PDB file of N, CA and C in Angstrom:
ATOM      1  N   MET A   1     -15.431  47.033  -2.756  1.00  0.00           N
ATOM      2  CA  MET A   1     -14.999  45.964  -2.901  1.00  0.00           C
ATOM      3  C   MET A   1     -14.284  45.233  -1.597  1.00  0.00           C
ATOM      4  N   ASP A   2     -13.701  45.921  -1.180  1.00  0.00           N
ATOM      5  CA  ASP A   2     -13.211  45.041  -0.170  1.00  0.00           C
ATOM      6  C   ASP A   2     -14.273  44.329   1.381  1.00  0.00           C
ATOM      7  N   ASN A   3     -14.915  44.831   1.187  1.00  0.00           N
ATOM      8  CA  ASN A   3     -16.026  44.592   1.819  1.00  0.00           C
ATOM      9  C   ASN A   3     -16.876  43.174   1.344  1.00  0.00           C
ATOM     10  N   LEU A   4     -16.858  43.313  -0.029  1.00  0.00           N
ATOM     11  CA  LEU A   4     -17.944  42.075  -0.592  1.00  0.00           C
ATOM     12  C   LEU A   4     -16.664  41.227  -0.624  1.00  0.00           C
ATOM     13  N   SER A   5     -15.400  41.024  -0.553  1.00  0.00           N
ATOM     14  CA  SER A   5     -14.726  40.076  -0.628  1.00  0.00           C
ATOM     15  C   SER A   5     -14.420  39.475   0.496  1.00  0.00           C
ATOM     16  N   ILE A   6     -14.195  40.309   2.124  1.00  0.00           N
ATOM     17  CA  ILE A   6     -14.595  39.814   3.492  1.00  0.00           C
ATOM     18  C   ILE A   6     -16.083  39.013   3.599  1.00  0.00           C
ATOM     19  N   PHE A   7     -17.079  39.690   2.609  1.00  0.00           N
ATOM     20  CA  PHE A   7     -18.407  39.038   2.662  1.00  0.00           C
ATOM     21  C   PHE A   7     -18.492  37.766   2.408  1.00  0.00           C
ATOM     22  N   LEU A   8     -17.764  37.668   1.356  1.00  0.00           N
ATOM     23  CA  LEU A   8     -17.665  36.287   0.523  1.00  0.00           C
ATOM     24  C   LEU A   8     -17.100  35.605   1.238  1.00  0.00           C
ATOM     25  N   PHE A   9     -15.770  35.701   1.492  1.00  0.00           N
ATOM     26  CA  PHE A   9     -15.116  34.752   2.941  1.00  0.00           C
ATOM     27  C   PHE A   9     -15.820  34.401   3.368  1.00  0.00           C
ATOM     28  N   ALA A  10     -16.684  35.026   4.308  1.00  0.00           N
ATOM     29  CA  ALA A  10     -17.313  34.677   5.967  1.00  0.00           C
ATOM     30  C   ALA A  10     -18.159  33.766   5.403  1.00  0.00           C
ATOM     31  N   ILE A  11     -19.059  34.005   4.147  1.00  0.00           N
ATOM     32  CA  ILE A  11     -20.040  33.095   3.998  1.00  0.00           C
ATOM     33  C   ILE A  11     -19.582  31.831   3.258  1.00  0.00           C
ATOM     34  N   ALA A  12     -18.047  32.086   2.725  1.00  0.00           N
ATOM     35  CA  ALA A  12     -17.868  30.067   2.372  1.00  0.00           C
ATOM     36  C   ALA A  12     -17.309  29.735   3.825  1.00  0.00           C
ATOM     37  N   GLY A  13     -16.762  30.909   4.544  1.00  0.00           N
ATOM     38  CA  GLY A  13     -15.999  29.800   5.557  1.00  0.00           C
ATOM     39  C   GLY A  13     -17.425  28.941   6.466  1.00  0.00           C
ATOM     40  N   ILE A  14     -18.411  30.073   6.330  1.00  0.00           N
ATOM     41  CA  ILE A  14     -19.781  29.593   7.568  1.00  0.00           C
ATOM     42  C   ILE A  14     -20.359  28.172   6.278  1.00  0.00           C
ATOM     43  N   SER A  15     -20.288  28.272   5.829  1.00  0.00           N
ATOM     44  CA  SER A  15     -20.786  27.172   4.637  1.00  0.00           C
ATOM     45  C   SER A  15     -20.197  26.051   4.902  1.00  0.00           C
ATOM     46  N   THR A  16     -18.924  25.946   4.668  1.00  0.00           N
ATOM     47  CA  THR A  16     -17.981  24.621   5.506  1.00  0.00           C
ATOM     48  C   THR A  16     -18.314  24.516   6.183  1.00  0.00           C
ATOM     49  N   LEU A  17     -18.108  25.359   7.058  1.00  0.00           N
ATOM     50  CA  LEU A  17     -18.231  24.471   8.820  1.00  0.00           C
ATOM     51  C   LEU A  17     -19.470  23.710   8.847  1.00  0.00           C
ATOM     52  N   VAL A  18     -20.583  24.600   8.152  1.00  0.00           N
ATOM     53  CA  VAL A  18     -21.885  23.685   8.274  1.00  0.00           C
ATOM     54  C   VAL A  18     -22.183  22.538   7.741  1.00  0.00           C
ATOM     55  N   GLY A  19     -21.797  22.360   6.516  1.00  0.00           N
ATOM     56  CA  GLY A  19     -21.157  21.346   6.106  1.00  0.00           C
ATOM     57  C   GLY A  19     -20.712  20.267   6.910  1.00  0.00           C
ATOM     58  N   ALA A  20     -19.118  20.690   7.802  1.00  0.00           N
ATOM     59  CA  ALA A  20     -18.652  20.011   8.228  1.00  0.00           C
ATOM     60  C   ALA A  20     -19.496  19.029   8.956  1.00  0.00           C
ATOM     61  N   PHE A  21     -20.249  20.061  10.022  1.00  0.00           N
ATOM     62  CA  PHE A  21     -20.908  19.186  10.902  1.00  0.00           C
ATOM     63  C   PHE A  21     -22.343  18.601  10.482  1.00  0.00           C
ATOM     64  N   TYR A  22     -22.704  18.965   9.750  1.00  0.00           N
ATOM     65  CA  TYR A  22     -23.721  18.259   8.868  1.00  0.00           C
ATOM     66  C   TYR A  22     -23.014  16.603   8.322  1.00  0.00           C
ATOM     67  N   LEU A  23     -22.260  16.455   7.873  1.00  0.00           N
ATOM     68  CA  LEU A  23     -21.241  15.236   7.334  1.00  0.00           C
ATOM     69  C   LEU A  23     -20.863  14.843   8.705  1.00  0.00           C
ATOM     70  N   MET A  24     -20.358  14.874   9.664  1.00  0.00           N
ATOM     71  CA  MET A  24     -20.101  14.457  11.082  1.00  0.00           C
ATOM     72  C   MET A  24     -21.455  13.679  11.419  1.00  0.00           C
ATOM     73  N   HIS A  25     -22.594  14.209  11.665  1.00  0.00           N
ATOM     74  CA  HIS A  25     -23.517  14.072  12.609  1.00  0.00           C
ATOM     75  C   HIS A  25     -24.139  12.870  11.434  1.00  0.00           C
ATOM     76  N   SER A  26     -24.449  13.146   9.800  1.00  0.00           N
ATOM     77  CA  SER A  26     -25.374  12.169   9.219  1.00  0.00           C
ATOM     78  C   SER A  26     -24.358  10.950   9.409  1.00  0.00           C
ATOM     79  N   ALA A  27     -22.453  10.957   9.485  1.00  0.00           N
ATOM     80  CA  ALA A  27     -22.025   9.344   9.622  1.00  0.00           C
ATOM     81  C   ALA A  27     -22.183   8.744  10.811  1.00  0.00           C
ATOM     82  N   SER A  28     -22.840   9.941  11.652  1.00  0.00           N
ATOM     83  CA  SER A  28     -22.897   9.205  12.861  1.00  0.00           C
ATOM     84  C   SER A  28     -24.049   8.480  13.451  1.00  0.00           C
ATOM     85  N   VAL A  29     -25.300   8.592  12.704  1.00  0.00           N
ATOM     86  CA  VAL A  29     -26.535   8.102  13.135  1.00  0.00           C
ATOM     87  C   VAL A  29     -26.678   7.152  11.927  1.00  0.00           C
ATOM     88  N   SER A  30     -25.571   7.058  11.144  1.00  0.00           N
ATOM     89  CA  SER A  30     -26.033   5.916   9.661  1.00  0.00           C
ATOM     90  C   SER A  30     -26.057   4.313  10.224  1.00  0.00           C
ATOM     91  N   GLU A  31     -26.472   3.703   9.042  1.00  0.00           N
ATOM     92  CA  GLU A  31     -26.592   2.654  10.030  1.00  0.00           C
ATOM     93  C   GLU A  31     -25.543   1.297  10.003  1.00  0.00           C
ATOM     94  N   PRO A  32     -24.921   1.687   9.286  1.00  0.00           N
ATOM     95  CA  PRO A  32     -23.852   0.747   9.885  1.00  0.00           C
ATOM     96  C   PRO A  32     -22.917   1.135  11.207  1.00  0.00           C
ATOM     97  N   MET A  33     -22.905   2.668  11.420  1.00  0.00           N
ATOM     98  CA  MET A  33     -22.369   3.118  12.755  1.00  0.00           C
ATOM     99  C   MET A  33     -23.588   2.415  13.707  1.00  0.00           C
ATOM    100  N   LYS A  34     -24.484   2.087  13.897  1.00  0.00           N
ATOM    101  CA  LYS A  34     -25.673   1.760  14.820  1.00  0.00           C
ATOM    102  C   LYS A  34     -24.969   0.033  15.181  1.00  0.00           C
ATOM    103  N   ASN A  35     -24.731  -0.720  13.710  1.00  0.00           N
ATOM    104  CA  ASN A  35     -24.731  -1.843  14.167  1.00  0.00           C
ATOM    105  C   ASN A  35     -23.343  -2.103  14.608  1.00  0.00           C
ATOM    106  N   TYR A  36     -22.282  -1.079  14.451  1.00  0.00           N
ATOM    107  CA  TYR A  36     -21.310  -1.051  14.872  1.00  0.00           C
ATOM    108  C   TYR A  36     -21.206  -0.900  16.783  1.00  0.00           C
ATOM    109  N   ARG A  37     -21.794   0.082  16.843  1.00  0.00           N
ATOM    110  CA  ARG A  37     -22.303   0.290  18.211  1.00  0.00           C
ATOM    111  C   ARG A  37     -22.672  -0.804  19.033  1.00  0.00           C
ATOM    112  N   GLU A  38     -23.679  -1.700  18.516  1.00  0.00           N
ATOM    113  CA  GLU A  38     -24.165  -2.402  18.715  1.00  0.00           C
ATOM    114  C   GLU A  38     -23.588  -4.024  19.058  1.00  0.00           C
ATOM    115  N   GLY A  39     -22.237  -3.990  18.307  1.00  0.00           N
ATOM    116  CA  GLY A  39     -21.623  -5.193  18.444  1.00  0.00           C
ATOM    117  C   GLY A  39     -21.975  -5.901  17.392  1.00  0.00           C
ATOM    118  N   THR A  40     -22.410  -5.622  16.865  1.00  0.00           N
ATOM    119  CA  THR A  40     -22.813  -6.458  15.275  1.00  0.00           C
ATOM    120  C   THR A  40     -22.791  -5.835  14.229  1.00  0.00           C
ATOM    121  N   TRP A  41     -22.007  -6.043  12.982  1.00  0.00           N
ATOM    122  CA  TRP A  41     -21.084  -5.758  12.218  1.00  0.00           C
ATOM    123  C   TRP A  41     -21.716  -6.098  10.877  1.00  0.00           C
ATOM    124  N   VAL A  42     -23.028  -5.901  10.251  1.00  0.00           N
ATOM    125  CA  VAL A  42     -23.624  -6.187   9.171  1.00  0.00           C
ATOM    126  C   VAL A  42     -24.059  -5.259   7.889  1.00  0.00           C
ATOM    127  N   LYS A  43     -23.580  -6.078   6.743  1.00  0.00           N
ATOM    128  CA  LYS A  43     -23.659  -5.197   6.105  1.00  0.00           C
ATOM    129  C   LYS A  43     -24.349  -5.740   4.503  1.00  0.00           C
ATOM    130  N   THR A  44     -24.777  -5.173   3.965  1.00  0.00           N
ATOM    131  CA  THR A  44     -25.539  -5.821   2.836  1.00  0.00           C
ATOM    132  C   THR A  44     -25.034  -5.514   1.766  1.00  0.00           C
ATOM    133  N   VAL A  45     -24.540  -6.872   0.883  1.00  0.00           N
ATOM    134  CA  VAL A  45     -23.317  -6.453  -0.226  1.00  0.00           C
ATOM    135  C   VAL A  45     -24.718  -5.895  -1.427  1.00  0.00           C
ATOM    136  N   THR A  46     -23.951  -4.860  -2.153  1.00  0.00           N
ATOM    137  CA  THR A  46     -24.461  -4.295  -3.326  1.00  0.00           C
ATOM    138  C   THR A  46     -23.765  -4.480  -4.745  1.00  0.00           C
ATOM    139  N   LYS A  47     -22.867  -4.967  -4.619  1.00  0.00           N
ATOM    140  CA  LYS A  47     -21.703  -4.920  -6.056  1.00  0.00           C
ATOM    141  C   LYS A  47     -22.280  -6.504  -6.085  1.00  0.00           C
ATOM    142  N   PRO A  48     -21.741  -7.115  -7.253  1.00  0.00           N
ATOM    143  CA  PRO A  48     -22.134  -8.387  -8.165  1.00  0.00           C
ATOM    144  C   PRO A  48     -20.591  -8.766  -7.871  1.00  0.00           C
ATOM    145  N   VAL A  49     -21.065 -10.389  -7.199  1.00  0.00           N
ATOM    146  CA  VAL A  49     -20.233 -11.179  -6.353  1.00  0.00           C
ATOM    147  C   VAL A  49     -19.102 -11.462  -7.373  1.00  0.00           C
ATOM    148  N   HIS A  50     -17.498 -11.431  -6.971  1.00  0.00           N
ATOM    149  CA  HIS A  50     -16.242 -11.982  -8.041  1.00  0.00           C
ATOM    150  C   HIS A  50     -16.674 -13.114  -8.434  1.00  0.00           C
ATOM    151  N   PRO A  51     -16.050 -13.207  -9.635  1.00  0.00           N
ATOM    152  CA  PRO A  51     -16.257 -14.557 -10.049  1.00  0.00           C
ATOM    153  C   PRO A  51     -15.785 -16.021  -9.407  1.00  0.00           C
ATOM    154  N   GLU A  52     -14.323 -15.535  -8.643  1.00  0.00           N
ATOM    155  CA  GLU A  52     -14.206 -16.995  -7.963  1.00  0.00           C
ATOM    156  C   GLU A  52     -14.571 -17.035  -6.914  1.00  0.00           C
ATOM    157  N   MET A  53     -15.500 -16.162  -6.158  1.00  0.00           N
ATOM    158  CA  MET A  53     -16.519 -16.373  -5.225  1.00  0.00           C
ATOM    159  C   MET A  53     -18.241 -16.815  -5.412  1.00  0.00           C
ATOM    160  N   LYS A  54     -18.047 -17.356  -6.162  1.00  0.00           N
ATOM    161  CA  LYS A  54     -19.724 -17.155  -6.732  1.00  0.00           C
ATOM    162  C   LYS A  54     -20.364 -18.492  -6.216  1.00  0.00           C
ATOM    163  N   ASP A  55     -19.243 -19.977  -5.890  1.00  0.00           N
ATOM    164  CA  ASP A  55     -19.623 -20.933  -5.714  1.00  0.00           C
ATOM    165  C   ASP A  55     -19.351 -20.785  -3.849  1.00  0.00           C
ATOM    166  N   VAL A  56     -19.009 -19.944  -3.179  1.00  0.00           N
ATOM    167  CA  VAL A  56     -18.764 -20.050  -1.822  1.00  0.00           C
ATOM    168  C   VAL A  56     -20.368 -19.735  -1.230  1.00  0.00           C
ATOM    169  N   GLU A  57     -20.575 -20.140  -0.336  1.00  0.00           N
ATOM    170  CA  GLU A  57     -21.922 -20.101   0.338  1.00  0.00           C
ATOM    171  C   GLU A  57     -22.072 -19.184   1.867  1.00  0.00           C
ATOM    172  N   PRO A  58     -22.659 -18.622   2.329  1.00  0.00           N
ATOM    173  CA  PRO A  58     -22.511 -17.271   3.223  1.00  0.00           C
ATOM    174  C   PRO A  58     -21.989 -18.513   4.839  1.00  0.00           C
ATOM    175  N   GLY A  59     -20.881 -17.852   5.336  1.00  0.00           N
ATOM    176  CA  GLY A  59     -20.596 -18.779   6.415  1.00  0.00           C
ATOM    177  C   GLY A  59     -19.568 -19.499   6.411  1.00  0.00           C
ATOM    178  N   GLU A  60     -19.674 -19.812   5.118  1.00  0.00           N
ATOM    179  CA  GLU A  60     -18.048 -20.892   4.860  1.00  0.00           C
ATOM    180  C   GLU A  60     -16.663 -20.085   5.157  1.00  0.00           C
ATOM    181  N   GLN A  61     -16.050 -21.297   6.056  1.00  0.00           N
ATOM    182  CA  GLN A  61     -14.884 -20.504   6.318  1.00  0.00           C
ATOM    183  C   GLN A  61     -13.810 -20.629   5.263  1.00  0.00           C
ATOM    184  N   LEU A  62     -13.122 -19.794   4.947  1.00  0.00           N
ATOM    185  CA  LEU A  62     -12.041 -19.398   4.027  1.00  0.00           C
ATOM    186  C   LEU A  62     -10.665 -19.741   4.720  1.00  0.00           C
ATOM    187  N   MET A  63      -9.666 -19.828   3.840  1.00  0.00           N
ATOM    188  CA  MET A  63      -8.695 -20.052   4.429  1.00  0.00           C
ATOM    189  C   MET A  63      -7.627 -19.107   4.430  1.00  0.00           C
ATOM    190  N   GLY A  64      -7.156 -19.006   5.681  1.00  0.00           N
ATOM    191  CA  GLY A  64      -6.603 -17.518   6.266  1.00  0.00           C
ATOM    192  C   GLY A  64      -5.375 -17.898   6.787  1.00  0.00           C
ATOM    193  N   VAL A  65      -4.099 -16.914   6.495  1.00  0.00           N
ATOM    194  CA  VAL A  65      -3.030 -16.880   6.532  1.00  0.00           C
ATOM    195  C   VAL A  65      -2.048 -16.416   8.154  1.00  0.00           C
ATOM    196  N   THR A  66      -1.445 -16.615   8.683  1.00  0.00           N
ATOM    197  CA  THR A  66      -0.972 -15.726   9.508  1.00  0.00           C
ATOM    198  C   THR A  66       0.408 -15.773   9.658  1.00  0.00           C
ATOM    199  N   PHE A  67       1.270 -14.555   9.594  1.00  0.00           N
ATOM    200  CA  PHE A  67       2.526 -14.852   9.250  1.00  0.00           C
ATOM    201  C   PHE A  67       3.472 -14.262  10.488  1.00  0.00           C
ATOM    202  N   GLN A  68       4.401 -15.081  10.813  1.00  0.00           N
ATOM    203  CA  GLN A  68       5.008 -15.057  12.200  1.00  0.00           C
ATOM    204  C   GLN A  68       6.490 -13.812  11.765  1.00  0.00           C
ATOM    205  N   GLN A  69       6.498 -13.231  12.310  1.00  0.00           N
ATOM    206  CA  GLN A  69       7.922 -11.917  11.725  1.00  0.00           C
ATOM    207  C   GLN A  69       9.187 -12.576  13.134  1.00  0.00           C
ATOM    208  N   ARG A  70       9.911 -12.846  12.421  1.00  0.00           N
ATOM    209  CA  ARG A  70      10.978 -13.980  12.916  1.00  0.00           C
ATOM    210  C   ARG A  70      12.055 -12.342  13.235  1.00  0.00           C
ATOM    211  N   THR A  71      12.505 -12.795  14.552  1.00  0.00           N
ATOM    212  CA  THR A  71      13.822 -11.306  15.122  1.00  0.00           C
ATOM    213  C   THR A  71      14.950 -12.190  14.949  1.00  0.00           C
ATOM    214  N   GLU A  72      14.972 -13.354  14.703  1.00  0.00           N
ATOM    215  CA  GLU A  72      16.256 -13.625  15.217  1.00  0.00           C
ATOM    216  C   GLU A  72      16.670 -14.866  14.121  1.00  0.00           C
ATOM    217  N   CYS A  73      18.065 -15.391  14.030  1.00  0.00           N
ATOM    218  CA  CYS A  73      18.121 -16.208  12.864  1.00  0.00           C
ATOM    219  C   CYS A  73      18.917 -17.476  13.551  1.00  0.00           C
ATOM    220  N   ASP A  74      18.727 -18.491  13.118  1.00  0.00           N
ATOM    221  CA  ASP A  74      19.368 -19.532  13.593  1.00  0.00           C
ATOM    222  C   ASP A  74      21.276 -19.653  12.571  1.00  0.00           C
ATOM    223  N   LEU A  75      22.222 -19.850  13.298  1.00  0.00           N
ATOM    224  CA  LEU A  75      23.418 -19.765  12.885  1.00  0.00           C
ATOM    225  C   LEU A  75      23.568 -20.669  11.891  1.00  0.00           C
ATOM    226  N   GLU A  76      23.261 -21.561  11.984  1.00  0.00           N
ATOM    227  CA  GLU A  76      23.095 -22.659  10.706  1.00  0.00           C
ATOM    228  C   GLU A  76      22.435 -22.477   9.454  1.00  0.00           C
ATOM    229  N   GLU A  77      21.352 -22.053  10.012  1.00  0.00           N
ATOM    230  CA  GLU A  77      20.460 -21.798   8.416  1.00  0.00           C
ATOM    231  C   GLU A  77      21.068 -20.783   7.666  1.00  0.00           C
ATOM    232  N   TYR A  78      21.393 -19.624   8.754  1.00  0.00           N
ATOM    233  CA  TYR A  78      22.088 -18.736   7.861  1.00  0.00           C
ATOM    234  C   TYR A  78      23.286 -18.826   7.233  1.00  0.00           C
ATOM    235  N   LYS A  79      24.431 -19.939   7.856  1.00  0.00           N
ATOM    236  CA  LYS A  79      25.765 -20.730   6.899  1.00  0.00           C
ATOM    237  C   LYS A  79      25.278 -21.131   5.691  1.00  0.00           C
ATOM    238  N   ASP A  80      24.358 -22.045   5.776  1.00  0.00           N
ATOM    239  CA  ASP A  80      23.560 -23.414   5.002  1.00  0.00           C
ATOM    240  C   ASP A  80      22.626 -22.273   3.623  1.00  0.00           C
ATOM    241  N   LEU A  81      22.220 -20.819   4.201  1.00  0.00           N
ATOM    242  CA  LEU A  81      21.622 -20.262   2.952  1.00  0.00           C
ATOM    243  C   LEU A  81      22.920 -19.543   2.818  1.00  0.00           C
ATOM    244  N   GLN A  82      23.970 -19.034   3.460  1.00  0.00           N
ATOM    245  CA  GLN A  82      24.711 -18.118   2.190  1.00  0.00           C
ATOM    246  C   GLN A  82      25.525 -19.294   1.776  1.00  0.00           C
ATOM    247  N   ALA A  83      25.773 -20.398   1.723  1.00  0.00           N
ATOM    248  CA  ALA A  83      26.451 -21.594   0.869  1.00  0.00           C
ATOM    249  C   ALA A  83      25.794 -21.500  -0.524  1.00  0.00           C
ATOM    250  N   ARG A  84      24.136 -21.649  -0.374  1.00  0.00           N
ATOM    251  CA  ARG A  84      23.073 -21.616  -1.413  1.00  0.00           C
ATOM    252  C   ARG A  84      23.527 -20.565  -2.236  1.00  0.00           C
ATOM    253  N   ILE A  85      23.353 -19.566  -1.752  1.00  0.00           N
ATOM    254  CA  ILE A  85      24.121 -18.213  -2.309  1.00  0.00           C
ATOM    255  C   ILE A  85      24.920 -18.105  -3.195  1.00  0.00           C
ATOM    256  N   GLU A  86      26.249 -18.673  -2.731  1.00  0.00           N
ATOM    257  CA  GLU A  86      27.686 -18.937  -3.264  1.00  0.00           C
ATOM    258  C   GLU A  86      27.553 -19.923  -4.670  1.00  0.00           C
ATOM    259  N   GLN A  87      27.040 -20.867  -4.108  1.00  0.00           N
ATOM    260  CA  GLN A  87      26.676 -22.297  -4.745  1.00  0.00           C
ATOM    261  C   GLN A  87      25.769 -21.507  -6.086  1.00  0.00           C
ATOM    262  N   LEU A  88      25.211 -21.148  -6.219  1.00  0.00           N
ATOM    263  CA  LEU A  88      24.216 -20.221  -6.908  1.00  0.00           C
ATOM    264  C   LEU A  88      24.899 -19.078  -8.060  1.00  0.00           C
ATOM    265  N   LYS A  89      25.681 -18.502  -7.217  1.00  0.00           N
ATOM    266  CA  LYS A  89      26.489 -17.239  -8.210  1.00  0.00           C
ATOM    267  C   LYS A  89      27.407 -17.946  -9.104  1.00  0.00           C
ATOM    268  N   SER A  90      27.973 -18.864  -8.310  1.00  0.00           N
ATOM    269  CA  SER A  90      29.095 -19.807  -9.560  1.00  0.00           C
ATOM    270  C   SER A  90      28.457 -20.897 -10.526  1.00  0.00           C
ATOM    271  N   GLU A  91      27.506 -21.220 -10.301  1.00  0.00           N
ATOM    272  CA  GLU A  91      26.842 -21.805 -11.476  1.00  0.00           C
ATOM    273  C   GLU A  91      26.016 -21.078 -11.999  1.00  0.00           C
ATOM    274  N   LEU A  92      25.886 -19.702 -12.136  1.00  0.00           N
ATOM    275  CA  LEU A  92      25.533 -18.791 -12.774  1.00  0.00           C
ATOM    276  C   LEU A  92      26.761 -17.912 -13.521  1.00  0.00           C
ATOM    277  N   GLY A  93      27.855 -18.094 -12.719  1.00  0.00           N
ATOM    278  CA  GLY A  93      29.224 -17.823 -13.765  1.00  0.00           C
ATOM    279  C   GLY A  93      28.855 -16.020 -12.835  1.00  0.00           C
ATOM    280  N   GLY A  94      28.735 -15.882 -11.476  1.00  0.00           N
ATOM    281  CA  GLY A  94      28.868 -14.415 -11.427  1.00  0.00           C
ATOM    282  C   GLY A  94      29.863 -13.936 -10.964  1.00  0.00           C
ATOM    283  N   ASP A  95      30.685 -13.474 -11.643  1.00  0.00           N
ATOM    284  CA  ASP A  95      31.972 -12.932 -11.617  1.00  0.00           C
ATOM    285  C   ASP A  95      31.708 -11.892 -11.453  1.00  0.00           C
ATOM    286  N   ASP A  96      31.922 -10.956 -10.005  1.00  0.00           N
ATOM    287  CA  ASP A  96      31.511  -9.865  -9.903  1.00  0.00           C
ATOM    288  C   ASP A  96      32.665  -8.631 -10.346  1.00  0.00           C
ATOM    289  N   GLU A  97      34.188  -8.949 -10.769  1.00  0.00           N
ATOM    290  CA  GLU A  97      34.690  -7.817 -10.987  1.00  0.00           C
ATOM    291  C   GLU A  97      34.232  -7.767 -12.509  1.00  0.00           C
ATOM    292  N   ASP A  98      33.893  -8.569 -13.562  1.00  0.00           N
ATOM    293  CA  ASP A  98      33.553  -8.532 -14.930  1.00  0.00           C
ATOM    294  C   ASP A  98      32.166  -7.891 -15.274  1.00  0.00           C
ATOM    295  N   ASP A  99      31.913  -7.791 -14.221  1.00  0.00           N
ATOM    296  CA  ASP A  99      29.846  -6.813 -14.146  1.00  0.00           C
ATOM    297  C   ASP A  99      30.021  -5.105 -14.328  1.00  0.00           C
ATOM    298  N   ASP A 100      30.962  -4.796 -13.528  1.00  0.00           N
ATOM    299  CA  ASP A 100      31.208  -3.483 -13.519  1.00  0.00           C
ATOM    300  C   ASP A 100      32.587  -2.881 -14.625  1.00  0.00           C
ATOM    301  N   GLU A 101      31.746  -3.447 -16.124  1.00  0.00           N
ATOM    302  CA  GLU A 101      32.538  -2.575 -16.948  1.00  0.00           C
ATOM    303  C   GLU A 101      31.888  -1.220 -17.372  1.00  0.00           C
ATOM    304  N   ASP A 102      32.803  -0.335 -16.922  1.00  0.00           N
ATOM    305  CA  ASP A 102      32.463   1.383 -17.213  1.00  0.00           C
ATOM    306  C   ASP A 102      33.824   1.969 -17.677  1.00  0.00           C
ATOM    307  N   ASP A 103      34.668   1.154 -18.189  1.00  0.00           N
ATOM    308  CA  ASP A 103      35.647   2.042 -18.629  1.00  0.00           C
ATOM    309  C   ASP A 103      36.606   2.872 -17.531  1.00  0.00           C
ATOM    310  N   ASP A 104      36.419   2.540 -16.330  1.00  0.00           N
ATOM    311  CA  ASP A 104      36.968   3.412 -14.966  1.00  0.00           C
ATOM    312  C   ASP A 104      36.462   4.887 -15.175  1.00  0.00           C
ATOM    313  N   GLY A 105      35.546   4.709 -15.151  1.00  0.00           N
ATOM    314  CA  GLY A 105      34.764   6.369 -15.161  1.00  0.00           C
ATOM    315  C   GLY A 105      35.580   7.690 -16.561  1.00  0.00           C
ATOM    316  N   ASP A 106      36.330   7.243 -17.228  1.00  0.00           N
ATOM    317  CA  ASP A 106      37.154   8.075 -18.326  1.00  0.00           C
ATOM    318  C   ASP A 106      35.823   8.725 -18.809  1.00  0.00           C
ATOM    319  N   VAL A 107      36.379  10.097 -18.827  1.00  0.00           N
ATOM    320  CA  VAL A 107      34.998  11.258 -19.817  1.00  0.00           C
ATOM    321  C   VAL A 107      35.292  10.645 -21.110  1.00  0.00           C
ATOM    322  N   PRO A 108      34.121  10.490 -22.635  1.00  0.00           N
ATOM    323  CA  PRO A 108      34.302  10.591 -24.098  1.00  0.00           C
ATOM    324  C   PRO A 108      34.921  11.991 -24.202  1.00  0.00           C
ATOM    325  N   ALA A 109      35.900  11.473 -25.096  1.00  0.00           N
ATOM    326  CA  ALA A 109      36.122  12.405 -26.683  1.00  0.00           C
ATOM    327  C   ALA A 109      35.252  12.810 -26.936  1.00  0.00           C
ATOM    328  N   ILE A 110      35.472  14.585 -27.292  1.00  0.00           N
ATOM    329  CA  ILE A 110      34.319  15.429 -28.131  1.00  0.00           C
ATOM    330  C   ILE A 110      34.823  15.792 -28.879  1.00  0.00           C
ATOM    331  N   ILE A 111      34.711  15.016 -30.073  1.00  0.00           N
ATOM    332  CA  ILE A 111      35.834  15.603 -31.756  1.00  0.00           C
ATOM    333  C   ILE A 111      34.619  16.680 -32.313  1.00  0.00           C
ATOM    334  N   GLY A 112      34.903  18.084 -32.105  1.00  0.00           N
ATOM    335  CA  GLY A 112      34.079  18.801 -32.683  1.00  0.00           C
ATOM    336  C   GLY A 112      34.144  18.769 -34.598  1.00  0.00           C
ATOM    337  N   VAL A 113      33.011  19.047 -35.001  1.00  0.00           N
ATOM    338  CA  VAL A 113      33.219  19.143 -36.123  1.00  0.00           C
ATOM    339  C   VAL A 113      32.885  20.540 -36.775  1.00  0.00           C
ATOM    340  N   SER A 114      34.170  20.684 -38.400  1.00  0.00           N
ATOM    341  CA  SER A 114      34.372  21.849 -38.403  1.00  0.00           C
ATOM    342  C   SER A 114      33.467  21.575 -39.866  1.00  0.00           C
TER     343      SER A 114
END
């Protein structure tokens, strides 16, 4: 029984190894990979076109946005923003002391029923 389990384990390991190498080889010789190596990336559309893209012609330029991340803040902009936040808090009645009504953390009394 012990030799049978070792043999089955070895067969499973070898077949997994062969399958992994076959998968890597088939991916490396695929058509998209050949196009990528040549510097042209061409893909044939096989799915239906999204309804919002049906009127878009091939090669038509679409709008794109690139956001720049700011690492510093202007002090005046920051003060204006804080003033606006405080104004909105006062308009909404943002009294922070009344929002935390938790009865000072008291434990509720449990009354036993007999």
